[in-house]
Amino acid sequence: MADHPMLSHSCLSDLTIGKEAYKTRLYGDGKGGYVGATREDGGACAIAHVGRLVTVDGKRVLELTGYLTTPAQSTMLKEA
């Protein structure tokens, strides 16, 4: 199991944590909106995330929607 104190959070209690495989970078707009992408190490596809900082049961939570993606044509041409 990966060694990070946040991995014991109750929202992950139904998951078994394995090795690190993805990187997610989120950017805020200063108004509670966030956007970013999760990318698999060495993979071409990603999940684009868009969401807001909301309050749930008195706690601040990032609530994001994930969209499946494929590489843009210009990216695919540059790699060829």
N, C-alpha and C. Protein backbone atom coordinates (compact mmCIF):
# COMPACT_ATOMS: atom_id res chain seq x y z
N MET A 1 0.85 -1.19 0.00
CA MET A 1 0.00 0.00 0.00
C MET A 1 0.89 1.24 0.00
N ALA A 2 0.46 2.23 -0.74
CA ALA A 2 1.18 3.50 -0.78
C ALA A 2 1.15 4.15 0.60
N ASP A 3 2.19 4.92 0.90
CA ASP A 3 2.33 5.51 2.22
C ASP A 3 2.00 7.00 2.17
N HIS A 4 0.73 7.34 2.38
CA HIS A 4 0.30 8.74 2.45
C HIS A 4 -0.84 8.81 3.45
N PRO A 5 -0.79 9.73 4.41
CA PRO A 5 -1.81 9.77 5.46
C PRO A 5 -3.23 9.98 4.93
N MET A 6 -3.40 10.68 3.80
CA MET A 6 -4.74 10.93 3.28
C MET A 6 -5.39 9.66 2.71
N LEU A 7 -4.60 8.62 2.43
CA LEU A 7 -5.17 7.39 1.88
C LEU A 7 -6.04 6.65 2.89
N SER A 8 -6.00 7.04 4.15
CA SER A 8 -6.86 6.41 5.16
C SER A 8 -8.19 7.16 5.30
N HIS A 9 -8.46 8.15 4.46
CA HIS A 9 -9.71 8.92 4.51
C HIS A 9 -10.90 8.00 4.28
N SER A 10 -12.01 8.27 4.95
CA SER A 10 -13.19 7.41 4.88
C SER A 10 -13.77 7.31 3.47
N CYS A 11 -13.56 8.30 2.61
CA CYS A 11 -14.10 8.22 1.25
C CYS A 11 -13.41 7.15 0.42
N LEU A 12 -12.28 6.63 0.90
CA LEU A 12 -11.55 5.56 0.20
C LEU A 12 -11.70 4.21 0.88
N SER A 13 -12.56 4.13 1.88
CA SER A 13 -12.64 2.92 2.72
C SER A 13 -13.07 1.68 1.95
N ASP A 14 -13.74 1.82 0.82
CA ASP A 14 -14.18 0.65 0.06
C ASP A 14 -13.19 0.28 -1.05
N LEU A 15 -11.99 0.86 -1.02
CA LEU A 15 -10.98 0.62 -2.04
C LEU A 15 -9.73 0.00 -1.44
N THR A 16 -9.05 -0.83 -2.21
CA THR A 16 -7.74 -1.34 -1.85
C THR A 16 -6.73 -0.54 -2.64
N ILE A 17 -5.81 0.12 -1.96
CA ILE A 17 -4.84 1.00 -2.61
C ILE A 17 -3.66 0.17 -3.10
N GLY A 18 -3.30 0.36 -4.36
CA GLY A 18 -2.17 -0.32 -4.96
C GLY A 18 -1.04 0.66 -5.22
N LYS A 19 -0.28 0.38 -6.28
CA LYS A 19 0.86 1.24 -6.59
C LYS A 19 0.41 2.52 -7.29
N GLU A 20 1.25 3.53 -7.21
CA GLU A 20 0.98 4.81 -7.87
C GLU A 20 1.03 4.61 -9.38
N ALA A 21 0.00 5.11 -10.09
CA ALA A 21 -0.07 4.90 -11.54
C ALA A 21 -0.48 6.13 -12.33
N TYR A 22 -1.08 7.12 -11.66
CA TYR A 22 -1.62 8.28 -12.36
C TYR A 22 -1.15 9.57 -11.72
N LYS A 23 -1.14 10.63 -12.50
CA LYS A 23 -0.87 11.97 -11.99
C LYS A 23 -2.07 12.85 -12.33
N THR A 24 -2.53 13.64 -11.37
CA THR A 24 -3.61 14.58 -11.59
C THR A 24 -3.12 15.96 -11.20
N ARG A 25 -3.32 16.91 -12.08
CA ARG A 25 -2.96 18.30 -11.79
C ARG A 25 -4.22 19.13 -11.98
N LEU A 26 -4.66 19.83 -10.91
CA LEU A 26 -5.86 20.64 -10.95
C LEU A 26 -5.49 22.12 -10.85
N TYR A 27 -6.20 22.93 -11.60
CA TYR A 27 -5.96 24.38 -11.61
C TYR A 27 -7.24 25.09 -11.18
N GLY A 28 -7.12 26.03 -10.24
CA GLY A 28 -8.26 26.80 -9.78
C GLY A 28 -8.35 28.14 -10.47
N ASP A 29 -9.57 28.65 -10.58
CA ASP A 29 -9.76 29.96 -11.21
C ASP A 29 -9.89 31.09 -10.18
N GLY A 30 -9.72 30.77 -8.90
CA GLY A 30 -9.84 31.78 -7.84
C GLY A 30 -11.27 32.07 -7.46
N LYS A 31 -12.23 31.42 -8.11
CA LYS A 31 -13.65 31.64 -7.84
C LYS A 31 -14.37 30.34 -7.46
N GLY A 32 -13.59 29.31 -7.12
CA GLY A 32 -14.18 28.03 -6.73
C GLY A 32 -14.27 27.02 -7.85
N GLY A 33 -13.87 27.39 -9.06
CA GLY A 33 -13.89 26.46 -10.19
C GLY A 33 -12.53 25.80 -10.37
N TYR A 34 -12.55 24.54 -10.79
CA TYR A 34 -11.31 23.79 -10.99
C TYR A 34 -11.37 23.02 -12.30
N VAL A 35 -10.21 22.85 -12.92
CA VAL A 35 -10.09 22.07 -14.15
C VAL A 35 -8.73 21.37 -14.11
N GLY A 36 -8.66 20.20 -14.70
CA GLY A 36 -7.39 19.49 -14.73
C GLY A 36 -7.53 18.18 -15.47
N ALA A 37 -6.48 17.38 -15.42
CA ALA A 37 -6.49 16.10 -16.11
C ALA A 37 -5.73 15.05 -15.30
N THR A 38 -6.23 13.83 -15.37
CA THR A 38 -5.54 12.69 -14.80
C THR A 38 -4.94 11.91 -15.96
N ARG A 39 -3.63 11.67 -15.87
CA ARG A 39 -2.93 10.97 -16.95
C ARG A 39 -2.23 9.75 -16.38
N GLU A 40 -2.34 8.64 -17.11
CA GLU A 40 -1.64 7.43 -16.73
C GLU A 40 -0.18 7.57 -17.16
N ASP A 41 0.74 7.17 -16.28
CA ASP A 41 2.16 7.24 -16.63
C ASP A 41 2.41 6.47 -17.92
N GLY A 42 2.90 7.16 -18.95
CA GLY A 42 3.21 6.54 -20.22
C GLY A 42 2.02 6.33 -21.14
N GLY A 43 0.83 6.69 -20.71
CA GLY A 43 -0.37 6.49 -21.53
C GLY A 43 -0.72 7.71 -22.36
N ALA A 44 -1.44 7.50 -23.45
CA ALA A 44 -1.80 8.61 -24.34
C ALA A 44 -3.11 9.27 -23.94
N CYS A 45 -4.03 8.51 -23.37
CA CYS A 45 -5.35 9.05 -23.02
C CYS A 45 -5.35 9.63 -21.61
N ALA A 46 -6.37 10.42 -21.33
CA ALA A 46 -6.48 11.07 -20.03
C ALA A 46 -7.95 11.23 -19.67
N ILE A 47 -8.20 11.59 -18.43
CA ILE A 47 -9.54 11.98 -17.99
C ILE A 47 -9.47 13.46 -17.67
N ALA A 48 -10.29 14.26 -18.35
CA ALA A 48 -10.37 15.70 -18.08
C ALA A 48 -11.38 15.91 -16.96
N HIS A 49 -11.02 16.73 -15.98
CA HIS A 49 -11.89 17.00 -14.83
C HIS A 49 -12.31 18.46 -14.83
N VAL A 50 -13.59 18.69 -14.54
CA VAL A 50 -14.11 20.05 -14.39
C VAL A 50 -15.04 20.03 -13.19
N GLY A 51 -14.91 21.00 -12.30
CA GLY A 51 -15.78 21.00 -11.14
C GLY A 51 -15.64 22.24 -10.29
N ARG A 52 -16.23 22.16 -9.10
CA ARG A 52 -16.27 23.30 -8.20
C ARG A 52 -15.95 22.86 -6.78
N LEU A 53 -15.53 23.81 -5.99
CA LEU A 53 -15.36 23.61 -4.56
C LEU A 53 -16.74 23.82 -3.94
N VAL A 54 -17.26 22.80 -3.27
CA VAL A 54 -18.60 22.86 -2.68
C VAL A 54 -18.50 22.51 -1.20
N THR A 55 -19.59 22.72 -0.48
CA THR A 55 -19.66 22.33 0.92
C THR A 55 -20.64 21.17 1.06
N VAL A 56 -20.17 20.07 1.65
CA VAL A 56 -20.99 18.89 1.87
C VAL A 56 -20.88 18.55 3.36
N ASP A 57 -22.00 18.56 4.04
CA ASP A 57 -22.03 18.27 5.48
C ASP A 57 -21.03 19.15 6.24
N GLY A 58 -20.94 20.40 5.85
CA GLY A 58 -20.07 21.35 6.54
C GLY A 58 -18.59 21.24 6.18
N LYS A 59 -18.25 20.39 5.21
CA LYS A 59 -16.85 20.21 4.81
C LYS A 59 -16.66 20.69 3.38
N ARG A 60 -15.53 21.32 3.12
CA ARG A 60 -15.21 21.76 1.76
C ARG A 60 -14.71 20.58 0.95
N VAL A 61 -15.31 20.40 -0.22
CA VAL A 61 -15.04 19.24 -1.06
C VAL A 61 -14.92 19.69 -2.51
N LEU A 62 -13.93 19.15 -3.23
CA LEU A 62 -13.87 19.35 -4.68
C LEU A 62 -14.81 18.33 -5.30
N GLU A 63 -15.81 18.80 -6.03
CA GLU A 63 -16.73 17.91 -6.71
C GLU A 63 -16.47 18.05 -8.20
N LEU A 64 -15.93 16.99 -8.80
CA LEU A 64 -15.48 17.04 -10.19
C LEU A 64 -16.22 16.04 -11.05
N THR A 65 -16.43 16.40 -12.31
CA THR A 65 -16.94 15.48 -13.31
C THR A 65 -15.77 15.10 -14.21
N GLY A 66 -15.61 13.81 -14.47
CA GLY A 66 -14.52 13.34 -15.32
C GLY A 66 -15.03 13.02 -16.72
N TYR A 67 -14.27 13.44 -17.72
CA TYR A 67 -14.62 13.20 -19.12
C TYR A 67 -13.51 12.38 -19.76
N LEU A 68 -13.88 11.28 -20.43
CA LEU A 68 -12.90 10.48 -21.16
C LEU A 68 -12.38 11.31 -22.33
N THR A 69 -11.10 11.16 -22.64
CA THR A 69 -10.48 11.94 -23.70
C THR A 69 -9.65 11.04 -24.61
N THR A 70 -9.28 11.57 -25.74
CA THR A 70 -8.28 10.97 -26.62
C THR A 70 -7.32 12.09 -27.00
N PRO A 71 -6.11 11.75 -27.42
CA PRO A 71 -5.14 12.80 -27.78
C PRO A 71 -5.66 13.67 -28.93
N ALA A 72 -5.38 14.97 -28.86
CA ALA A 72 -5.75 15.88 -29.95
C ALA A 72 -4.95 15.51 -31.20
N GLN A 73 -5.51 15.76 -32.36
CA GLN A 73 -4.84 15.43 -33.62
C GLN A 73 -3.45 16.06 -33.69
N SER A 74 -3.31 17.31 -33.27
CA SER A 74 -2.00 17.99 -33.36
C SER A 74 -0.97 17.30 -32.48
N THR A 75 -1.38 16.76 -31.34
CA THR A 75 -0.48 16.03 -30.44
C THR A 75 -0.05 14.72 -31.09
N MET A 76 -1.01 14.03 -31.70
CA MET A 76 -0.69 12.75 -32.34
C MET A 76 0.28 12.95 -33.51
N LEU A 77 0.12 14.03 -34.27
CA LEU A 77 1.00 14.27 -35.40
C LEU A 77 2.42 14.60 -34.95
N LYS A 78 2.55 15.34 -33.84
CA LYS A 78 3.88 15.71 -33.34
C LYS A 78 4.66 14.49 -32.87
N GLU A 79 3.96 13.49 -32.30
CA GLU A 79 4.61 12.31 -31.76
C GLU A 79 5.03 11.34 -32.86
N ALA A 80 4.42 11.42 -34.02
CA ALA A 80 4.70 10.46 -35.11
C ALA A 80 6.04 10.71 -35.76
